[in-house]
Amino acid sequence: MSWNSPRRNIKLVIAYNGAAYHGWQRQAASIDTVQQRIEDAAARVVKHPVTVFATGRTDAGVHAAGQAANFYTTNLRIPTEALRRAINSRLPGDIAVSSACEVPQDFHASRSAVGKTYRYRIHTGPTRPVELARQVYHYPRPLDVERMAAAARWLIGTHDFRGFATTAEQRQDTVRTIFRCEVACVDTEIHITVWGDGFLYNMVRNIVGTLVEIGRGRWEPSHIDTILAARDRRLAGPTALPDGLSLICVHYDSRSLDMSAPTGRQAPSGVL
């Protein structure tokens, strides 16, 4: 596809069960990923190769209810709703495009995002919920939800989250803002919901692992402040399994989606 040809920029909202995939990001041809599935389906519909830019690269086993992505197409004929249906007809049953719309040329699913919301589900019943296999994390012993909720409140605000990043984190800027971090009981599950302006690699899963340790009584809720101050990953809890994690929503400023707004910027190229 020539970048000088007339083209549309299409934003997708995608849901998927990540249990069968090696994460979002396209890899070698023999490795099954969500990005590869979406790109293959979209290319068959628009009749040319496409690159799908996602908000973030979810890990193997991580799910999404509201992953955002965009791609460019020189196919100007297919209405966006018909495009959504056609892509879905070419996807497996564990991936679905829930919405498609045209957005400005300079919209980029990652660079235009102003925040993301993740949710982690913990099943605390004594018996493993086989019908929810690889969709929730099974913790068979009681957890003190009030202690976990109190600890979660220490995370709200702008902090250096180096202590909650994986040791493989390469970014120098580890300051992020958490707008909301809530822990709630939902039937036999505990839901941990985190909304922030951005997240470091494995940051949410490390937060969950730490909250579980606090919930089982290993640490006081104020231990969160100790981790933040020390910026030491060794003081935090283990990395929670990917099974219970889902990207719920990606947040955008409405201006970045406004097709009537003037723009003089060029569409981005390359894969994040």
Protein backbone atom coordinates (compact mmCIF):
# COMPACT_ATOMS: atom_id res chain seq x y z
CA MET A 1 0.00 0.00 0.00
CA SER A 2 1.42 3.40 -0.99
CA TRP A 3 1.33 6.01 1.80
CA ASN A 4 0.68 8.62 -0.92
CA SER A 5 -2.57 6.97 -2.02
CA PRO A 6 -5.93 8.11 -0.62
CA ARG A 7 -6.51 6.06 2.50
CA ARG A 8 -8.66 5.70 5.60
CA ASN A 9 -7.48 5.20 9.14
CA ILE A 10 -9.69 2.61 10.85
CA LYS A 11 -9.88 2.26 14.64
CA LEU A 12 -10.91 -1.13 16.02
CA VAL A 13 -11.95 -2.18 19.50
CA ILE A 14 -11.09 -5.85 19.96
CA ALA A 15 -11.99 -8.48 22.54
CA TYR A 16 -10.12 -11.75 22.86
CA ASN A 17 -9.44 -14.68 25.11
CA GLY A 18 -5.66 -14.83 25.12
CA ALA A 19 -5.33 -18.38 26.46
CA ALA A 20 -4.53 -19.90 23.05
CA TYR A 21 -2.15 -17.18 21.86
CA HIS A 22 1.46 -16.18 22.41
CA GLY A 23 0.42 -12.64 23.25
CA TRP A 24 -0.64 -9.80 20.98
CA GLN A 25 2.53 -9.07 19.02
CA ARG A 26 3.22 -10.67 15.65
CA GLN A 27 6.12 -13.12 15.86
CA ALA A 28 7.56 -15.87 13.67
CA ALA A 29 5.19 -17.34 11.11
CA SER A 30 4.63 -20.55 13.09
CA ILE A 31 3.69 -18.73 16.33
CA ASP A 32 0.02 -17.86 16.75
CA THR A 33 -0.66 -14.30 17.99
CA VAL A 34 -3.69 -12.04 18.12
CA GLN A 35 -2.09 -9.38 15.93
CA GLN A 36 -1.35 -11.91 13.21
CA ARG A 37 -4.94 -13.14 13.24
CA ILE A 38 -6.35 -9.61 12.98
CA GLU A 39 -3.94 -8.58 10.23
CA ASP A 40 -4.63 -11.69 8.18
CA ALA A 41 -8.40 -11.24 8.48
CA ALA A 42 -8.31 -7.51 7.69
CA ALA A 43 -6.02 -8.05 4.70
CA ARG A 44 -8.43 -10.59 3.22
CA VAL A 45 -11.26 -8.06 3.52
CA VAL A 46 -9.54 -4.93 2.17
CA LYS A 47 -7.50 -6.87 -0.44
CA HIS A 48 -4.06 -5.58 0.53
CA PRO A 49 -1.56 -6.23 3.36
CA VAL A 50 -2.15 -4.23 6.55
CA THR A 51 -0.24 -3.52 9.74
CA VAL A 52 -2.40 -3.24 12.84
CA PHE A 53 -1.09 -0.86 15.51
CA ALA A 54 -2.33 -1.77 19.00
CA THR A 55 -2.39 0.25 22.20
CA GLY A 56 -0.13 -2.26 23.90
CA ARG A 57 1.33 -5.72 23.61
CA THR A 58 -0.56 -8.01 25.96
CA ASP A 59 1.46 -11.02 27.09
CA ALA A 60 0.72 -14.66 26.39
CA GLY A 61 -2.43 -15.72 28.24
CA VAL A 62 -3.65 -12.17 28.90
CA HIS A 63 -7.14 -11.27 27.71
CA ALA A 64 -8.85 -8.14 26.44
CA ALA A 65 -12.37 -6.78 26.47
CA GLY A 66 -11.38 -3.45 24.94
CA GLN A 67 -8.01 -3.58 23.18
CA ALA A 68 -7.76 -0.64 20.76
CA ALA A 69 -5.96 -0.78 17.43
CA ASN A 70 -5.83 1.01 14.10
CA PHE A 71 -4.78 0.30 10.55
CA TYR A 72 -4.66 2.17 7.24
CA THR A 73 -6.44 1.02 4.12
CA THR A 74 -6.72 2.29 0.55
CA ASN A 75 -10.05 0.48 0.28
CA LEU A 76 -12.50 3.39 0.40
CA ARG A 77 -15.63 1.46 -0.49
CA ILE A 78 -16.48 -0.75 2.49
CA PRO A 79 -18.52 0.98 5.26
CA THR A 80 -16.97 0.57 8.67
CA GLU A 81 -19.79 -1.60 10.07
CA ALA A 82 -19.57 -3.91 7.07
CA LEU A 83 -15.80 -3.96 7.53
CA ARG A 84 -16.23 -5.02 11.17
CA ARG A 85 -18.60 -7.83 10.25
CA ALA A 86 -16.38 -9.03 7.42
CA ILE A 87 -13.27 -9.13 9.62
CA ASN A 88 -15.18 -11.00 12.34
CA SER A 89 -16.34 -13.62 9.85
CA ARG A 90 -12.68 -14.42 9.21
CA LEU A 91 -11.58 -14.58 12.85
CA PRO A 92 -11.61 -17.56 15.25
CA GLY A 93 -14.27 -17.72 17.95
CA ASP A 94 -11.98 -16.40 20.70
CA ILE A 95 -11.31 -13.05 18.95
CA ALA A 96 -13.96 -10.46 18.02
CA VAL A 97 -13.96 -6.87 16.75
CA SER A 98 -16.65 -5.12 18.79
CA SER A 99 -16.51 -1.79 16.94
CA ALA A 100 -14.87 -0.13 13.95
CA CYS A 101 -14.85 3.54 13.01
CA GLU A 102 -12.90 5.92 10.83
CA VAL A 103 -10.54 8.25 12.71
CA PRO A 104 -8.19 11.10 11.71
CA GLN A 105 -5.04 10.24 9.77
CA ASP A 106 -2.78 11.09 12.71
CA PHE A 107 -4.63 8.91 15.22
CA HIS A 108 -2.43 6.13 16.59
CA ALA A 109 -3.85 3.54 18.98
CA SER A 110 -0.82 3.72 21.26
CA ARG A 111 0.53 7.24 20.93
CA SER A 112 -2.94 8.85 21.09
CA ALA A 113 -4.00 6.96 24.22
CA VAL A 114 -4.26 8.89 27.48
CA GLY A 115 -4.92 5.92 29.75
CA LYS A 116 -5.84 2.28 30.13
CA THR A 117 -7.96 0.26 32.53
CA TYR A 118 -7.05 -3.31 33.48
CA ARG A 119 -8.97 -5.78 35.61
CA TYR A 120 -7.63 -8.85 37.37
CA ARG A 121 -10.00 -11.64 38.49
CA ILE A 122 -9.18 -13.91 41.43
CA HIS A 123 -11.43 -16.88 42.23
CA THR A 124 -11.20 -17.65 45.95
CA GLY A 125 -13.43 -20.71 46.24
CA PRO A 126 -11.91 -23.95 47.57
CA THR A 127 -12.44 -25.78 44.27
CA ARG A 128 -10.77 -24.83 41.01
CA PRO A 129 -13.43 -23.36 38.63
CA VAL A 130 -12.79 -25.56 35.61
CA GLU A 131 -15.37 -23.71 33.52
CA LEU A 132 -13.25 -20.57 33.93
CA ALA A 133 -9.92 -22.26 33.25
CA ARG A 134 -7.27 -19.72 32.18
CA GLN A 135 -9.76 -16.86 32.57
CA VAL A 136 -9.31 -16.33 36.32
CA TYR A 137 -6.55 -16.92 38.85
CA HIS A 138 -7.57 -19.54 41.40
CA TYR A 139 -6.46 -18.77 44.97
CA PRO A 140 -8.08 -21.43 47.19
CA ARG A 141 -7.60 -19.70 50.56
CA PRO A 142 -9.36 -16.65 52.05
CA LEU A 143 -8.06 -13.17 51.31
CA ASP A 144 -8.82 -10.07 53.38
CA VAL A 145 -10.42 -7.79 50.79
CA GLU A 146 -10.52 -4.79 53.14
CA ARG A 147 -6.77 -4.97 53.67
CA MET A 148 -6.21 -5.31 49.93
CA ALA A 149 -8.48 -2.31 49.23
CA ALA A 150 -6.64 -0.23 51.82
CA ALA A 151 -3.31 -1.15 50.23
CA ALA A 152 -4.62 -0.33 46.75
CA ARG A 153 -5.35 3.23 47.85
CA TRP A 154 -1.64 3.79 48.50
CA LEU A 155 -1.06 3.33 44.75
CA ILE A 156 -3.32 6.17 43.65
CA GLY A 157 -1.49 9.26 42.42
CA THR A 158 1.76 9.95 40.60
CA HIS A 159 4.63 7.73 41.75
CA ASP A 160 7.82 6.12 40.55
CA PHE A 161 6.70 2.51 40.00
CA ARG A 162 10.17 1.03 39.47
CA GLY A 163 9.53 -1.31 42.42
CA PHE A 164 6.54 -2.81 40.58
CA ALA A 165 8.28 -3.19 37.21
CA THR A 166 9.89 -6.38 36.00
CA THR A 167 13.67 -6.48 36.24
CA ALA A 168 13.69 -6.59 32.41
CA GLU A 169 12.07 -3.13 32.19
CA GLN A 170 14.27 -1.00 29.91
CA ARG A 171 12.50 2.35 30.12
CA GLN A 172 14.29 5.01 32.15
CA ASP A 173 11.10 6.93 32.98
CA THR A 174 9.19 4.76 35.43
CA VAL A 175 6.91 7.49 36.79
CA ARG A 176 3.24 6.80 36.14
CA THR A 177 -0.10 8.10 37.44
CA ILE A 178 -2.77 5.77 38.80
CA PHE A 179 -6.19 7.42 38.78
CA ARG A 180 -8.08 4.53 40.35
CA CYS A 181 -7.19 1.24 42.01
CA GLU A 182 -10.10 -0.66 43.51
CA VAL A 183 -10.56 -4.10 45.06
CA ALA A 184 -14.09 -5.51 45.21
CA CYS A 185 -15.86 -8.81 45.86
CA VAL A 186 -18.02 -10.08 42.99
CA ASP A 187 -19.69 -13.36 43.99
CA THR A 188 -16.84 -15.85 44.48
CA GLU A 189 -14.30 -13.59 42.81
CA ILE A 190 -12.15 -10.65 43.84
CA HIS A 191 -11.76 -8.03 41.12
CA ILE A 192 -8.80 -5.66 41.14
CA THR A 193 -9.37 -2.74 38.76
CA VAL A 194 -6.53 -0.34 37.90
CA TRP A 195 -6.86 2.77 35.73
CA GLY A 196 -3.71 4.69 34.91
CA ASP A 197 -2.09 6.88 32.30
CA GLY A 198 0.34 4.10 31.43
CA PHE A 199 1.88 0.91 32.77
CA LEU A 200 5.33 -0.62 32.95
CA TYR A 201 6.01 -4.18 31.84
CA ASN A 202 4.21 -6.59 34.22
CA MET A 203 3.31 -3.67 36.50
CA VAL A 204 -0.33 -4.71 36.97
CA ARG A 205 0.53 -8.35 37.61
CA ASN A 206 3.19 -7.31 40.14
CA ILE A 207 0.67 -5.05 41.89
CA VAL A 208 -1.79 -7.95 42.04
CA GLY A 209 0.84 -10.31 43.44
CA THR A 210 1.65 -7.76 46.12
CA LEU A 211 -2.01 -7.18 47.03
CA VAL A 212 -2.51 -10.94 47.37
CA GLU A 213 0.42 -11.10 49.83
CA ILE A 214 -1.17 -8.28 51.83
CA GLY A 215 -4.58 -9.97 51.64
CA ARG A 216 -3.20 -13.20 53.11
CA GLY A 217 -1.58 -11.27 55.96
CA ARG A 218 2.11 -11.26 55.03
CA TRP A 219 2.38 -7.45 55.00
CA GLU A 220 0.45 -4.44 56.22
CA PRO A 221 -1.28 -2.24 53.60
CA SER A 222 1.34 0.48 54.19
CA HIS A 223 3.99 -1.86 52.73
CA ILE A 224 2.97 -0.42 49.34
CA ASP A 225 4.52 2.89 50.40
CA THR A 226 7.73 1.09 51.34
CA ILE A 227 7.98 -0.43 47.86
CA LEU A 228 7.29 2.89 46.16
CA ALA A 229 9.89 4.70 48.25
CA ALA A 230 12.59 2.06 47.86
CA ARG A 231 11.97 1.48 44.11
CA ASP A 232 13.11 -2.11 44.77
CA ARG A 233 11.33 -4.95 42.95
CA ARG A 234 12.56 -7.42 45.58
CA LEU A 235 10.28 -5.85 48.19
CA ALA A 236 7.12 -6.48 46.15
CA GLY A 237 5.13 -9.68 45.79
CA PRO A 238 5.42 -12.31 43.05
CA THR A 239 4.20 -11.66 39.53
CA ALA A 240 0.61 -12.91 39.32
CA LEU A 241 -0.25 -15.40 36.58
CA PRO A 242 -1.51 -13.90 33.31
CA ASP A 243 -4.76 -15.90 33.42
CA GLY A 244 -6.85 -13.40 35.39
CA LEU A 245 -5.70 -10.23 33.61
CA SER A 246 -7.79 -8.41 31.01
CA LEU A 247 -7.37 -5.06 29.25
CA ILE A 248 -10.82 -3.57 29.82
CA CYS A 249 -10.67 -0.19 28.12
CA VAL A 250 -8.32 2.25 26.41
CA HIS A 251 -9.00 5.93 27.04
CA TYR A 252 -8.64 8.71 24.45
CA ASP A 253 -9.16 12.44 24.37
CA SER A 254 -12.24 12.99 22.22
CA ARG A 255 -10.27 15.43 20.04
CA SER A 256 -8.00 12.62 18.81
CA LEU A 257 -11.08 10.85 17.41
CA ASP A 258 -12.73 13.92 15.87
CA MET A 259 -12.86 13.57 12.08
CA SER A 260 -13.86 17.23 11.71
CA ALA A 261 -10.72 18.57 13.41
CA PRO A 262 -8.00 19.90 11.07
CA THR A 263 -4.69 18.10 11.04
CA GLY A 264 -1.45 18.73 9.26
CA ARG A 265 0.51 15.85 10.73
CA GLN A 266 1.54 12.80 8.79
CA ALA A 267 0.23 9.34 9.59
CA PRO A 268 2.71 7.35 11.68
CA SER A 269 4.49 4.39 10.18
CA GLY A 270 6.29 1.39 11.61
CA VAL A 271 5.33 -1.04 14.36
CA LEU A 272 5.52 -0.07 18.02
